[in-house]
Amino acid sequence: MSETTPSHDNTPSLRIRIVFGDDAMLGPGKADLLEAIRDTGSIAAAGRRMAMSYKRAWMLVEEMNAAFRAPLVASSRGGARRGGARLTEEGQEVLAHYRALEAIMAEAGAGRIGAIRDMLRAHDED
């Protein structure tokens, strides 16, 4: 299952949502959250970067960790030494596979995405 959403510069982009039955789903928001955790080393900072509450970010991390055989994110509690979070090896692999799949689908679908874009009313006004 996939969805296309225009980017801010009106260039079409392809975002995918992979639904694994009723129990698990991986889509653009979770992939972006994994990237933000990788980049910031913190679930809270990742949530702030995405304008998401810590509670929501933590809930999504727990959801992903529960859905996969091995956790995607490892975290340690805060306190005097300040906790943190990092992607596990599995988390890095899942993120890499997801981003590669996005690139493959965008390349394979570029012609059809362009054809659909050419049919948009807004495209006539450019």
PDB file of N, CA and C in Angstrom:
ATOM      1  N   MET A   1       0.860  -1.162   0.000  1.00  0.00           N
ATOM      2  CA  MET A   1       0.000   0.000   0.000  1.00  0.00           C
ATOM      3  C   MET A   1       0.902   1.219   0.000  1.00  0.00           C
ATOM      4  N   SER A   2       0.621   2.205  -0.799  1.00  0.00           N
ATOM      5  CA  SER A   2       1.463   3.392  -0.828  1.00  0.00           C
ATOM      6  C   SER A   2       0.596   4.621  -0.956  1.00  0.00           C
ATOM      7  N   GLU A   3       1.207   5.735  -0.646  1.00  0.00           N
ATOM      8  CA  GLU A   3       0.505   6.996  -0.799  1.00  0.00           C
ATOM      9  C   GLU A   3       1.474   7.987  -1.408  1.00  0.00           C
ATOM     10  N   THR A   4       0.956   8.869  -2.243  1.00  0.00           N
ATOM     11  CA  THR A   4       1.813   9.912  -2.777  1.00  0.00           C
ATOM     12  C   THR A   4       1.391  11.216  -2.145  1.00  0.00           C
ATOM     13  N   THR A   5       2.378  11.985  -1.753  1.00  0.00           N
ATOM     14  CA  THR A   5       2.106  13.297  -1.189  1.00  0.00           C
ATOM     15  C   THR A   5       3.041  14.281  -1.846  1.00  0.00           C
ATOM     16  N   PRO A   6       2.515  15.438  -2.255  1.00  0.00           N
ATOM     17  CA  PRO A   6       3.406  16.402  -2.886  1.00  0.00           C
ATOM     18  C   PRO A   6       4.362  16.991  -1.864  1.00  0.00           C
ATOM     19  N   SER A   7       5.570  17.248  -2.284  1.00  0.00           N
ATOM     20  CA  SER A   7       6.509  17.914  -1.393  1.00  0.00           C
ATOM     21  C   SER A   7       6.215  19.405  -1.424  1.00  0.00           C
ATOM     22  N   HIS A   8       6.911  20.159  -0.597  1.00  0.00           N
ATOM     23  CA  HIS A   8       6.638  21.588  -0.481  1.00  0.00           C
ATOM     24  C   HIS A   8       6.940  22.357  -1.760  1.00  0.00           C
ATOM     25  N   ASP A   9       7.832  21.850  -2.603  1.00  0.00           N
ATOM     26  CA  ASP A   9       8.157  22.561  -3.833  1.00  0.00           C
ATOM     27  C   ASP A   9       7.316  22.076  -5.016  1.00  0.00           C
ATOM     28  N   ASN A  10       6.254  21.362  -4.742  1.00  0.00           N
ATOM     29  CA  ASN A  10       5.326  20.854  -5.745  1.00  0.00           C
ATOM     30  C   ASN A  10       5.903  19.734  -6.597  1.00  0.00           C
ATOM     31  N   THR A  11       7.053  19.219  -6.247  1.00  0.00           N
ATOM     32  CA  THR A  11       7.595  18.053  -6.916  1.00  0.00           C
ATOM     33  C   THR A  11       6.952  16.826  -6.286  1.00  0.00           C
ATOM     34  N   PRO A  12       6.374  15.951  -7.088  1.00  0.00           N
ATOM     35  CA  PRO A  12       5.732  14.774  -6.489  1.00  0.00           C
ATOM     36  C   PRO A  12       6.739  13.916  -5.742  1.00  0.00           C
ATOM     37  N   SER A  13       6.292  13.310  -4.683  1.00  0.00           N
ATOM     38  CA  SER A  13       7.121  12.371  -3.947  1.00  0.00           C
ATOM     39  C   SER A  13       6.270  11.160  -3.603  1.00  0.00           C
ATOM     40  N   LEU A  14       6.917  10.073  -3.321  1.00  0.00           N
ATOM     41  CA  LEU A  14       6.227   8.836  -3.002  1.00  0.00           C
ATOM     42  C   LEU A  14       6.570   8.443  -1.581  1.00  0.00           C
ATOM     43  N   ARG A  15       5.573   8.220  -0.771  1.00  0.00           N
ATOM     44  CA  ARG A  15       5.774   7.743   0.597  1.00  0.00           C
ATOM     45  C   ARG A  15       5.013   6.433   0.713  1.00  0.00           C
ATOM     46  N   ILE A  16       5.596   5.459   1.354  1.00  0.00           N
ATOM     47  CA  ILE A  16       4.948   4.159   1.436  1.00  0.00           C
ATOM     48  C   ILE A  16       4.600   3.798   2.871  1.00  0.00           C
ATOM     49  N   ARG A  17       3.568   3.042   2.992  1.00  0.00           N
ATOM     50  CA  ARG A  17       3.151   2.480   4.273  1.00  0.00           C
ATOM     51  C   ARG A  17       3.042   0.980   4.052  1.00  0.00           C
ATOM     52  N   ILE A  18       3.801   0.226   4.819  1.00  0.00           N
ATOM     53  CA  ILE A  18       3.793  -1.225   4.703  1.00  0.00           C
ATOM     54  C   ILE A  18       2.977  -1.769   5.870  1.00  0.00           C
ATOM     55  N   VAL A  19       1.918  -2.484   5.547  1.00  0.00           N
ATOM     56  CA  VAL A  19       1.042  -3.041   6.567  1.00  0.00           C
ATOM     57  C   VAL A  19       1.282  -4.540   6.628  1.00  0.00           C
ATOM     58  N   PHE A  20       1.698  -5.005   7.785  1.00  0.00           N
ATOM     59  CA  PHE A  20       1.971  -6.420   8.009  1.00  0.00           C
ATOM     60  C   PHE A  20       0.806  -7.023   8.797  1.00  0.00           C
ATOM     61  N   GLY A  21      -0.296  -7.270   8.150  1.00  0.00           N
ATOM     62  CA  GLY A  21      -1.467  -7.802   8.846  1.00  0.00           C
ATOM     63  C   GLY A  21      -2.041  -6.778   9.804  1.00  0.00           C
ATOM     64  N   ASP A  22      -2.645  -7.275  10.869  1.00  0.00           N
ATOM     65  CA  ASP A  22      -3.287  -6.392  11.845  1.00  0.00           C
ATOM     66  C   ASP A  22      -2.340  -5.915  12.938  1.00  0.00           C
ATOM     67  N   ASP A  23      -1.153  -6.509  13.013  1.00  0.00           N
ATOM     68  CA  ASP A  23      -0.298  -6.269  14.167  1.00  0.00           C
ATOM     69  C   ASP A  23       0.819  -5.257  13.975  1.00  0.00           C
ATOM     70  N   ALA A  24       1.225  -5.011  12.742  1.00  0.00           N
ATOM     71  CA  ALA A  24       2.395  -4.157  12.554  1.00  0.00           C
ATOM     72  C   ALA A  24       2.270  -3.336  11.283  1.00  0.00           C
ATOM     73  N   MET A  25       2.833  -2.135  11.341  1.00  0.00           N
ATOM     74  CA  MET A  25       2.840  -1.237  10.202  1.00  0.00           C
ATOM     75  C   MET A  25       4.097  -0.387  10.297  1.00  0.00           C
ATOM     76  N   LEU A  26       4.699  -0.136   9.138  1.00  0.00           N
ATOM     77  CA  LEU A  26       5.852   0.757   9.076  1.00  0.00           C
ATOM     78  C   LEU A  26       5.591   1.748   7.953  1.00  0.00           C
ATOM     79  N   GLY A  27       5.628   3.021   8.299  1.00  0.00           N
ATOM     80  CA  GLY A  27       5.355   4.057   7.316  1.00  0.00           C
ATOM     81  C   GLY A  27       6.299   5.229   7.485  1.00  0.00           C
ATOM     82  N   PRO A  28       6.000   6.309   6.788  1.00  0.00           N
ATOM     83  CA  PRO A  28       6.907   7.457   6.780  1.00  0.00           C
ATOM     84  C   PRO A  28       7.142   8.074   8.156  1.00  0.00           C
ATOM     85  N   GLY A  29       6.132   8.156   8.975  1.00  0.00           N
ATOM     86  CA  GLY A  29       6.304   8.757  10.297  1.00  0.00           C
ATOM     87  C   GLY A  29       7.239   7.960  11.182  1.00  0.00           C
ATOM     88  N   LYS A  30       7.062   6.651  11.199  1.00  0.00           N
ATOM     89  CA  LYS A  30       7.938   5.806  12.022  1.00  0.00           C
ATOM     90  C   LYS A  30       9.358   5.805  11.476  1.00  0.00           C
ATOM     91  N   ALA A  31       9.501   5.779  10.156  1.00  0.00           N
ATOM     92  CA  ALA A  31      10.842   5.835   9.570  1.00  0.00           C
ATOM     93  C   ALA A  31      11.515   7.162   9.915  1.00  0.00           C
ATOM     94  N   ASP A  32      10.771   8.253   9.816  1.00  0.00           N
ATOM     95  CA  ASP A  32      11.326   9.564  10.179  1.00  0.00           C
ATOM     96  C   ASP A  32      11.711   9.607  11.656  1.00  0.00           C
ATOM     97  N   LEU A  33      10.894   8.978  12.509  1.00  0.00           N
ATOM     98  CA  LEU A  33      11.205   8.936  13.938  1.00  0.00           C
ATOM     99  C   LEU A  33      12.490   8.137  14.179  1.00  0.00           C
ATOM    100  N   LEU A  34      12.630   7.001  13.515  1.00  0.00           N
ATOM    101  CA  LEU A  34      13.869   6.225  13.658  1.00  0.00           C
ATOM    102  C   LEU A  34      15.071   7.058  13.237  1.00  0.00           C
ATOM    103  N   GLU A  35      14.961   7.778  12.130  1.00  0.00           N
ATOM    104  CA  GLU A  35      16.068   8.643  11.683  1.00  0.00           C
ATOM    105  C   GLU A  35      16.375   9.722  12.713  1.00  0.00           C
ATOM    106  N   ALA A  36      15.335  10.318  13.262  1.00  0.00           N
ATOM    107  CA  ALA A  36      15.543  11.389  14.237  1.00  0.00           C
ATOM    108  C   ALA A  36      16.197  10.850  15.509  1.00  0.00           C
ATOM    109  N   ILE A  37      15.814   9.659  15.938  1.00  0.00           N
ATOM    110  CA  ILE A  37      16.453   9.045  17.107  1.00  0.00           C
ATOM    111  C   ILE A  37      17.913   8.755  16.792  1.00  0.00           C
ATOM    112  N   ARG A  38      18.176   8.228  15.609  1.00  0.00           N
ATOM    113  CA  ARG A  38      19.557   7.959  15.189  1.00  0.00           C
ATOM    114  C   ARG A  38      20.385   9.244  15.216  1.00  0.00           C
ATOM    115  N   ASP A  39      19.799  10.339  14.722  1.00  0.00           N
ATOM    116  CA  ASP A  39      20.536  11.593  14.603  1.00  0.00           C
ATOM    117  C   ASP A  39      20.705  12.334  15.923  1.00  0.00           C
ATOM    118  N   THR A  40      19.718  12.225  16.821  1.00  0.00           N
ATOM    119  CA  THR A  40      19.763  13.005  18.061  1.00  0.00           C
ATOM    120  C   THR A  40      20.201  12.203  19.276  1.00  0.00           C
ATOM    121  N   GLY A  41      20.070  10.867  19.217  1.00  0.00           N
ATOM    122  CA  GLY A  41      20.413  10.044  20.372  1.00  0.00           C
ATOM    123  C   GLY A  41      19.412  10.150  21.496  1.00  0.00           C
ATOM    124  N   SER A  42      18.187  10.586  21.168  1.00  0.00           N
ATOM    125  CA  SER A  42      17.192  10.818  22.210  1.00  0.00           C
ATOM    126  C   SER A  42      15.782  10.699  21.630  1.00  0.00           C
ATOM    127  N   ILE A  43      14.915  10.001  22.340  1.00  0.00           N
ATOM    128  CA  ILE A  43      13.514   9.913  21.920  1.00  0.00           C
ATOM    129  C   ILE A  43      12.849  11.265  22.090  1.00  0.00           C
ATOM    130  N   ALA A  44      13.132  11.949  23.191  1.00  0.00           N
ATOM    131  CA  ALA A  44      12.534  13.268  23.441  1.00  0.00           C
ATOM    132  C   ALA A  44      12.959  14.269  22.369  1.00  0.00           C
ATOM    133  N   ALA A  45      14.253  14.307  22.064  1.00  0.00           N
ATOM    134  CA  ALA A  45      14.751  15.241  21.046  1.00  0.00           C
ATOM    135  C   ALA A  45      14.197  14.894  19.675  1.00  0.00           C
ATOM    136  N   ALA A  46      14.085  13.609  19.390  1.00  0.00           N
ATOM    137  CA  ALA A  46      13.510  13.182  18.116  1.00  0.00           C
ATOM    138  C   ALA A  46      12.059  13.647  18.013  1.00  0.00           C
ATOM    139  N   GLY A  47      11.313  13.486  19.090  1.00  0.00           N
ATOM    140  CA  GLY A  47       9.928  13.950  19.108  1.00  0.00           C
ATOM    141  C   GLY A  47       9.837  15.450  18.897  1.00  0.00           C
ATOM    142  N   ARG A  48      10.691  16.207  19.580  1.00  0.00           N
ATOM    143  CA  ARG A  48      10.686  17.667  19.404  1.00  0.00           C
ATOM    144  C   ARG A  48      11.001  18.040  17.960  1.00  0.00           C
ATOM    145  N   ARG A  49      11.965  17.370  17.365  1.00  0.00           N
ATOM    146  CA  ARG A  49      12.338  17.645  15.980  1.00  0.00           C
ATOM    147  C   ARG A  49      11.139  17.443  15.049  1.00  0.00           C
ATOM    148  N   MET A  50      10.281  16.489  15.404  1.00  0.00           N
ATOM    149  CA  MET A  50       9.129  16.171  14.558  1.00  0.00           C
ATOM    150  C   MET A  50       7.845  16.853  15.026  1.00  0.00           C
ATOM    151  N   ALA A  51       7.955  17.767  15.995  1.00  0.00           N
ATOM    152  CA  ALA A  51       6.788  18.437  16.575  1.00  0.00           C
ATOM    153  C   ALA A  51       5.807  17.410  17.130  1.00  0.00           C
ATOM    154  N   MET A  52       6.357  16.446  17.836  1.00  0.00           N
ATOM    155  CA  MET A  52       5.580  15.345  18.400  1.00  0.00           C
ATOM    156  C   MET A  52       5.848  15.299  19.895  1.00  0.00           C
ATOM    157  N   SER A  53       4.845  14.989  20.676  1.00  0.00           N
ATOM    158  CA  SER A  53       5.060  14.891  22.113  1.00  0.00           C
ATOM    159  C   SER A  53       5.962  13.704  22.437  1.00  0.00           C
ATOM    160  N   TYR A  54       6.635  13.808  23.567  1.00  0.00           N
ATOM    161  CA  TYR A  54       7.482  12.708  24.019  1.00  0.00           C
ATOM    162  C   TYR A  54       6.635  11.455  24.189  1.00  0.00           C
ATOM    163  N   LYS A  55       5.447  11.618  24.741  1.00  0.00           N
ATOM    164  CA  LYS A  55       4.564  10.475  24.973  1.00  0.00           C
ATOM    165  C   LYS A  55       4.238   9.763  23.661  1.00  0.00           C
ATOM    166  N   ARG A  56       3.935  10.527  22.622  1.00  0.00           N
ATOM    167  CA  ARG A  56       3.616   9.940  21.313  1.00  0.00           C
ATOM    168  C   ARG A  56       4.849   9.250  20.720  1.00  0.00           C
ATOM    169  N   ALA A  57       6.003   9.898  20.804  1.00  0.00           N
ATOM    170  CA  ALA A  57       7.232   9.309  20.275  1.00  0.00           C
ATOM    171  C   ALA A  57       7.546   8.003  21.009  1.00  0.00           C
ATOM    172  N   TRP A  58       7.434   8.033  22.333  1.00  0.00           N
ATOM    173  CA  TRP A  58       7.712   6.836  23.125  1.00  0.00           C
ATOM    174  C   TRP A  58       6.733   5.720  22.781  1.00  0.00           C
ATOM    175  N   MET A  59       5.459   6.055  22.588  1.00  0.00           N
ATOM    176  CA  MET A  59       4.444   5.061  22.230  1.00  0.00           C
ATOM    177  C   MET A  59       4.782   4.404  20.885  1.00  0.00           C
ATOM    178  N   LEU A  60       5.218   5.206  19.918  1.00  0.00           N
ATOM    179  CA  LEU A  60       5.579   4.659  18.609  1.00  0.00           C
ATOM    180  C   LEU A  60       6.811   3.759  18.704  1.00  0.00           C
ATOM    181  N   VAL A  61       7.780   4.144  19.517  1.00  0.00           N
ATOM    182  CA  VAL A  61       8.961   3.309  19.728  1.00  0.00           C
ATOM    183  C   VAL A  61       8.554   1.979  20.358  1.00  0.00           C
ATOM    184  N   GLU A  62       7.718   2.029  21.375  1.00  0.00           N
ATOM    185  CA  GLU A  62       7.251   0.797  22.022  1.00  0.00           C
ATOM    186  C   GLU A  62       6.500  -0.085  21.034  1.00  0.00           C
ATOM    187  N   GLU A  63       5.688   0.537  20.182  1.00  0.00           N
ATOM    188  CA  GLU A  63       4.926  -0.195  19.162  1.00  0.00           C
ATOM    189  C   GLU A  63       5.883  -0.913  18.197  1.00  0.00           C
ATOM    190  N   MET A  64       6.906  -0.201  17.728  1.00  0.00           N
ATOM    191  CA  MET A  64       7.864  -0.816  16.812  1.00  0.00           C
ATOM    192  C   MET A  64       8.660  -1.913  17.507  1.00  0.00           C
ATOM    193  N   ASN A  65       9.124  -1.653  18.717  1.00  0.00           N
ATOM    194  CA  ASN A  65       9.906  -2.650  19.440  1.00  0.00           C
ATOM    195  C   ASN A  65       9.104  -3.926  19.682  1.00  0.00           C
ATOM    196  N   ALA A  66       7.809  -3.782  19.932  1.00  0.00           N
ATOM    197  CA  ALA A  66       6.953  -4.944  20.177  1.00  0.00           C
ATOM    198  C   ALA A  66       6.647  -5.711  18.888  1.00  0.00           C
ATOM    199  N   ALA A  67       6.624  -5.020  17.764  1.00  0.00           N
ATOM    200  CA  ALA A  67       6.231  -5.645  16.500  1.00  0.00           C
ATOM    201  C   ALA A  67       7.341  -6.482  15.879  1.00  0.00           C
ATOM    202  N   PHE A  68       8.584  -6.135  16.145  1.00  0.00           N
ATOM    203  CA  PHE A  68       9.709  -6.827  15.515  1.00  0.00           C
ATOM    204  C   PHE A  68      10.309  -7.853  16.472  1.00  0.00           C
ATOM    205  N   ARG A  69      10.961  -8.866  15.915  1.00  0.00           N
ATOM    206  CA  ARG A  69      11.565  -9.925  16.733  1.00  0.00           C
ATOM    207  C   ARG A  69      12.577  -9.379  17.724  1.00  0.00           C
ATOM    208  N   ALA A  70      13.305  -8.359  17.305  1.00  0.00           N
ATOM    209  CA  ALA A  70      14.290  -7.713  18.176  1.00  0.00           C
ATOM    210  C   ALA A  70      13.961  -6.226  18.207  1.00  0.00           C
ATOM    211  N   PRO A  71      14.233  -5.549  19.324  1.00  0.00           N
ATOM    212  CA  PRO A  71      13.930  -4.117  19.413  1.00  0.00           C
ATOM    213  C   PRO A  71      14.663  -3.311  18.338  1.00  0.00           C
ATOM    214  N   LEU A  72      14.024  -2.253  17.860  1.00  0.00           N
ATOM    215  CA  LEU A  72      14.637  -1.362  16.892  1.00  0.00           C
ATOM    216  C   LEU A  72      15.347  -0.208  17.577  1.00  0.00           C
ATOM    217  N   VAL A  73      14.899   0.118  18.788  1.00  0.00           N
ATOM    218  CA  VAL A  73      15.468   1.228  19.557  1.00  0.00           C
ATOM    219  C   VAL A  73      15.819   0.725  20.948  1.00  0.00           C
ATOM    220  N   ALA A  74      17.024   1.051  21.399  1.00  0.00           N
ATOM    221  CA  ALA A  74      17.451   0.762  22.768  1.00  0.00           C
ATOM    222  C   ALA A  74      17.542   2.093  23.495  1.00  0.00           C
ATOM    223  N   SER A  75      17.014   2.134  24.714  1.00  0.00           N
ATOM    224  CA  SER A  75      17.051   3.389  25.460  1.00  0.00           C
ATOM    225  C   SER A  75      17.521   3.130  26.884  1.00  0.00           C
ATOM    226  N   SER A  76      18.040   4.191  27.488  1.00  0.00           N
ATOM    227  CA  SER A  76      18.428   4.133  28.895  1.00  0.00           C
ATOM    228  C   SER A  76      17.786   5.315  29.595  1.00  0.00           C
ATOM    229  N   ARG A  77      17.449   5.114  30.853  1.00  0.00           N
ATOM    230  CA  ARG A  77      16.751   6.142  31.624  1.00  0.00           C
ATOM    231  C   ARG A  77      17.626   7.370  31.825  1.00  0.00           C
ATOM    232  N   GLY A  78      16.962   8.496  32.019  1.00  0.00           N
ATOM    233  CA  GLY A  78      17.661   9.753  32.270  1.00  0.00           C
ATOM    234  C   GLY A  78      18.214   9.806  33.677  1.00  0.00           C
ATOM    235  N   GLY A  79      18.325  11.001  34.191  1.00  0.00           N
ATOM    236  CA  GLY A  79      18.877  11.172  35.528  1.00  0.00           C
ATOM    237  C   GLY A  79      20.193  11.921  35.444  1.00  0.00           C
ATOM    238  N   ALA A  80      21.045  11.700  36.437  1.00  0.00           N
ATOM    239  CA  ALA A  80      22.308  12.430  36.523  1.00  0.00           C
ATOM    240  C   ALA A  80      23.176  12.212  35.287  1.00  0.00           C
ATOM    241  N   ARG A  81      23.183  10.998  34.755  1.00  0.00           N
ATOM    242  CA  ARG A  81      24.011  10.702  33.589  1.00  0.00           C
ATOM    243  C   ARG A  81      23.267  10.947  32.279  1.00  0.00           C
ATOM    244  N   ARG A  82      22.062  11.445  32.367  1.00  0.00           N
ATOM    245  CA  ARG A  82      21.250  11.715  31.180  1.00  0.00           C
ATOM    246  C   ARG A  82      21.141  10.491  30.297  1.00  0.00           C
ATOM    247  N   GLY A  83      19.938  10.008  30.188  1.00  0.00           N
ATOM    248  CA  GLY A  83      19.704   8.815  29.381  1.00  0.00           C
ATOM    249  C   GLY A  83      19.858   9.113  27.911  1.00  0.00           C
ATOM    250  N   GLY A  84      19.453   8.185  27.121  1.00  0.00           N
ATOM    251  CA  GLY A  84      19.554   8.367  25.686  1.00  0.00           C
ATOM    252  C   GLY A  84      18.905   7.216  24.967  1.00  0.00           C
ATOM    253  N   ALA A  85      18.953   7.277  23.662  1.00  0.00           N
ATOM    254  CA  ALA A  85      18.385   6.222  22.836  1.00  0.00           C
ATOM    255  C   ALA A  85      19.249   6.075  21.594  1.00  0.00           C
ATOM    256  N   ARG A  86      19.257   4.887  21.075  1.00  0.00           N
ATOM    257  CA  ARG A  86      20.001   4.624  19.847  1.00  0.00           C
ATOM    258  C   ARG A  86      19.281   3.537  19.077  1.00  0.00           C
ATOM    259  N   LEU A  87      19.511   3.528  17.772  1.00  0.00           N
ATOM    260  CA  LEU A  87      18.972   2.443  16.969  1.00  0.00           C
ATOM    261  C   LEU A  87      19.836   1.213  17.194  1.00  0.00           C
ATOM    262  N   THR A  88      19.187   0.089  17.351  1.00  0.00           N
ATOM    263  CA  THR A  88      19.919  -1.165  17.422  1.00  0.00           C
ATOM    264  C   THR A  88      20.347  -1.535  16.003  1.00  0.00           C
ATOM    265  N   GLU A  89      21.115  -2.587  15.890  1.00  0.00           N
ATOM    266  CA  GLU A  89      21.499  -3.065  14.553  1.00  0.00           C
ATOM    267  C   GLU A  89      20.247  -3.372  13.726  1.00  0.00           C
ATOM    268  N   GLU A  90      19.257  -3.986  14.367  1.00  0.00           N
ATOM    269  CA  GLU A  90      18.009  -4.293  13.678  1.00  0.00           C
ATOM    270  C   GLU A  90      17.289  -3.026  13.251  1.00  0.00           C
ATOM    271  N   GLY A  91      17.308  -2.023  14.108  1.00  0.00           N
ATOM    272  CA  GLY A  91      16.689  -0.745  13.776  1.00  0.00           C
ATOM    273  C   GLY A  91      17.348  -0.090  12.578  1.00  0.00           C
ATOM    274  N   GLN A  92      18.662  -0.135  12.542  1.00  0.00           N
ATOM    275  CA  GLN A  92      19.402   0.424  11.412  1.00  0.00           C
ATOM    276  C   GLN A  92      19.059  -0.331  10.128  1.00  0.00           C
ATOM    277  N   GLU A  93      18.958  -1.656  10.225  1.00  0.00           N
ATOM    278  CA  GLU A  93      18.635  -2.465   9.045  1.00  0.00           C
ATOM    279  C   GLU A  93      17.223  -2.198   8.545  1.00  0.00           C
ATOM    280  N   VAL A  94      16.261  -2.138   9.460  1.00  0.00           N
ATOM    281  CA  VAL A  94      14.877  -1.874   9.063  1.00  0.00           C
ATOM    282  C   VAL A  94      14.792  -0.512   8.381  1.00  0.00           C
ATOM    283  N   LEU A  95      15.422   0.496   8.954  1.00  0.00           N
ATOM    284  CA  LEU A  95      15.402   1.836   8.363  1.00  0.00           C
ATOM    285  C   LEU A  95      16.053   1.827   6.984  1.00  0.00           C
ATOM    286  N   ALA A  96      17.181   1.164   6.837  1.00  0.00           N
ATOM    287  CA  ALA A  96      17.873   1.103   5.545  1.00  0.00           C
ATOM    288  C   ALA A  96      17.009   0.395   4.500  1.00  0.00           C
ATOM    289  N   HIS A  97      16.380  -0.699   4.879  1.00  0.00           N
ATOM    290  CA  HIS A  97      15.499  -1.415   3.941  1.00  0.00           C
ATOM    291  C   HIS A  97      14.315  -0.540   3.527  1.00  0.00           C
ATOM    292  N   TYR A  98      13.730   0.161   4.482  1.00  0.00           N
ATOM    293  CA  TYR A  98      12.583   1.013   4.191  1.00  0.00           C
ATOM    294  C   TYR A  98      12.977   2.132   3.225  1.00  0.00           C
ATOM    295  N   ARG A  99      14.090   2.802   3.490  1.00  0.00           N
ATOM    296  CA  ARG A  99      14.526   3.903   2.619  1.00  0.00           C
ATOM    297  C   ARG A  99      14.895   3.383   1.232  1.00  0.00           C
ATOM    298  N   ALA A 100      15.518   2.206   1.159  1.00  0.00           N
ATOM    299  CA  ALA A 100      15.852   1.621  -0.146  1.00  0.00           C
ATOM    300  C   ALA A 100      14.581   1.292  -0.916  1.00  0.00           C
ATOM    301  N   LEU A 101      13.584   0.767  -0.230  1.00  0.00           N
ATOM    302  CA  LEU A 101      12.311   0.459  -0.879  1.00  0.00           C
ATOM    303  C   LEU A 101      11.640   1.727  -1.399  1.00  0.00           C
ATOM    304  N   GLU A 102      11.694   2.810  -0.612  1.00  0.00           N
ATOM    305  CA  GLU A 102      11.158   4.091  -1.096  1.00  0.00           C
ATOM    306  C   GLU A 102      11.837   4.523  -2.389  1.00  0.00           C
ATOM    307  N   ALA A 103      13.154   4.410  -2.430  1.00  0.00           N
ATOM    308  CA  ALA A 103      13.907   4.831  -3.620  1.00  0.00           C
ATOM    309  C   ALA A 103      13.568   3.959  -4.826  1.00  0.00           C
ATOM    310  N   ILE A 104      13.477   2.653  -4.610  1.00  0.00           N
ATOM    311  CA  ILE A 104      13.134   1.733  -5.701  1.00  0.00           C
ATOM    312  C   ILE A 104      11.747   2.051  -6.256  1.00  0.00           C
ATOM    313  N   MET A 105      10.792   2.249  -5.357  1.00  0.00           N
ATOM    314  CA  MET A 105       9.421   2.525  -5.796  1.00  0.00           C
ATOM    315  C   MET A 105       9.316   3.877  -6.499  1.00  0.00           C
ATOM    316  N   ALA A 106      10.032   4.869  -6.005  1.00  0.00           N
ATOM    317  CA  ALA A 106       9.991   6.187  -6.637  1.00  0.00           C
ATOM    318  C   ALA A 106      10.571   6.121  -8.043  1.00  0.00           C
ATOM    319  N   GLU A 107      11.670   5.408  -8.192  1.00  0.00           N
ATOM    320  CA  GLU A 107      12.281   5.285  -9.520  1.00  0.00           C
ATOM    321  C   GLU A 107      11.378   4.488 -10.459  1.00  0.00           C
ATOM    322  N   ALA A 108      10.863   3.379  -9.982  1.00  0.00           N
ATOM    323  CA  ALA A 108      10.010   2.535 -10.822  1.00  0.00           C
ATOM    324  C   ALA A 108       8.699   3.225 -11.189  1.00  0.00           C
ATOM    325  N   GLY A 109       8.205   4.066 -10.296  1.00  0.00           N
ATOM    326  CA  GLY A 109       6.917   4.710 -10.535  1.00  0.00           C
ATOM    327  C   GLY A 109       6.995   6.118 -11.086  1.00  0.00           C
ATOM    328  N   ALA A 110       8.187   6.619 -11.357  1.00  0.00           N
ATOM    329  CA  ALA A 110       8.359   8.016 -11.773  1.00  0.00           C
ATOM    330  C   ALA A 110       7.501   8.379 -12.981  1.00  0.00           C
ATOM    331  N   GLY A 111       7.459   7.528 -13.983  1.00  0.00           N
ATOM    332  CA  GLY A 111       6.672   7.825 -15.177  1.00  0.00           C
ATOM    333  C   GLY A 111       5.190   7.944 -14.881  1.00  0.00           C
ATOM    334  N   ARG A 112       4.679   7.021 -14.121  1.00  0.00           N
ATOM    335  CA  ARG A 112       3.244   7.057 -13.788  1.00  0.00           C
ATOM    336  C   ARG A 112       2.917   8.214 -12.845  1.00  0.00           C
ATOM    337  N   ILE A 113       3.818   8.495 -11.910  1.00  0.00           N
ATOM    338  CA  ILE A 113       3.608   9.642 -11.019  1.00  0.00           C
ATOM    339  C   ILE A 113       3.571  10.924 -11.855  1.00  0.00           C
ATOM    340  N   GLY A 114       4.489  11.051 -12.820  1.00  0.00           N
ATOM    341  CA  GLY A 114       4.498  12.213 -13.708  1.00  0.00           C
ATOM    342  C   GLY A 114       3.232  12.312 -14.532  1.00  0.00           C
ATOM    343  N   ALA A 115       2.742  11.180 -15.017  1.00  0.00           N
ATOM    344  CA  ALA A 115       1.506  11.173 -15.805  1.00  0.00           C
ATOM    345  C   ALA A 115       0.328  11.638 -14.962  1.00  0.00           C
ATOM    346  N   ILE A 116       0.270  11.169 -13.723  1.00  0.00           N
ATOM    347  CA  ILE A 116      -0.813  11.599 -12.826  1.00  0.00           C
ATOM    348  C   ILE A 116      -0.676  13.085 -12.517  1.00  0.00           C
ATOM    349  N   ARG A 117       0.554  13.531 -12.242  1.00  0.00           N
ATOM    350  CA  ARG A 117       0.784  14.955 -11.961  1.00  0.00           C
ATOM    351  C   ARG A 117       0.332  15.821 -13.137  1.00  0.00           C
ATOM    352  N   ASP A 118       0.613  15.381 -14.351  1.00  0.00           N
ATOM    353  CA  ASP A 118       0.218  16.142 -15.535  1.00  0.00           C
ATOM    354  C   ASP A 118      -1.294  16.265 -15.662  1.00  0.00           C
ATOM    355  N   MET A 119      -2.024  15.390 -15.008  1.00  0.00           N
ATOM    356  CA  MET A 119      -3.483  15.416 -15.065  1.00  0.00           C
ATOM    357  C   MET A 119      -4.108  16.296 -13.978  1.00  0.00           C
ATOM    358  N   LEU A 120      -3.277  16.799 -13.060  1.00  0.00           N
ATOM    359  CA  LEU A 120      -3.787  17.635 -11.973  1.00  0.00           C
ATOM    360  C   LEU A 120      -4.214  19.005 -12.495  1.00  0.00           C
ATOM    361  N   ARG A 121      -5.292  19.513 -11.950  1.00  0.00           N
ATOM    362  CA  ARG A 121      -5.760  20.856 -12.303  1.00  0.00           C
ATOM    363  C   ARG A 121      -4.702  21.907 -11.965  1.00  0.00           C
ATOM    364  N   ALA A 122      -4.058  21.783 -10.823  1.00  0.00           N
ATOM    365  CA  ALA A 122      -3.052  22.754 -10.384  1.00  0.00           C
ATOM    366  C   ALA A 122      -1.868  22.770 -11.350  1.00  0.00           C
ATOM    367  N   HIS A 123      -1.570  21.653 -11.992  1.00  0.00           N
ATOM    368  CA  HIS A 123      -0.444  21.584 -12.928  1.00  0.00           C
ATOM    369  C   HIS A 123      -0.726  22.451 -14.166  1.00  0.00           C
ATOM    370  N   ASP A 124      -1.982  22.569 -14.578  1.00  0.00           N
ATOM    371  CA  ASP A 124      -2.354  23.397 -15.725  1.00  0.00           C
ATOM    372  C   ASP A 124      -2.084  24.882 -15.468  1.00  0.00           C
ATOM    373  N   GLU A 125      -2.124  25.275 -14.180  1.00  0.00           N
ATOM    374  CA  GLU A 125      -1.976  26.685 -13.832  1.00  0.00           C
ATOM    375  C   GLU A 125      -0.514  27.117 -13.791  1.00  0.00           C
ATOM    376  N   ASP A 126       0.428  26.156 -13.818  1.00  0.00           N
ATOM    377  CA  ASP A 126       1.860  26.490 -13.730  1.00  0.00           C
ATOM    378  C   ASP A 126       2.369  27.139 -15.001  1.00  0.00           C
TER     379      ASP A 126
END
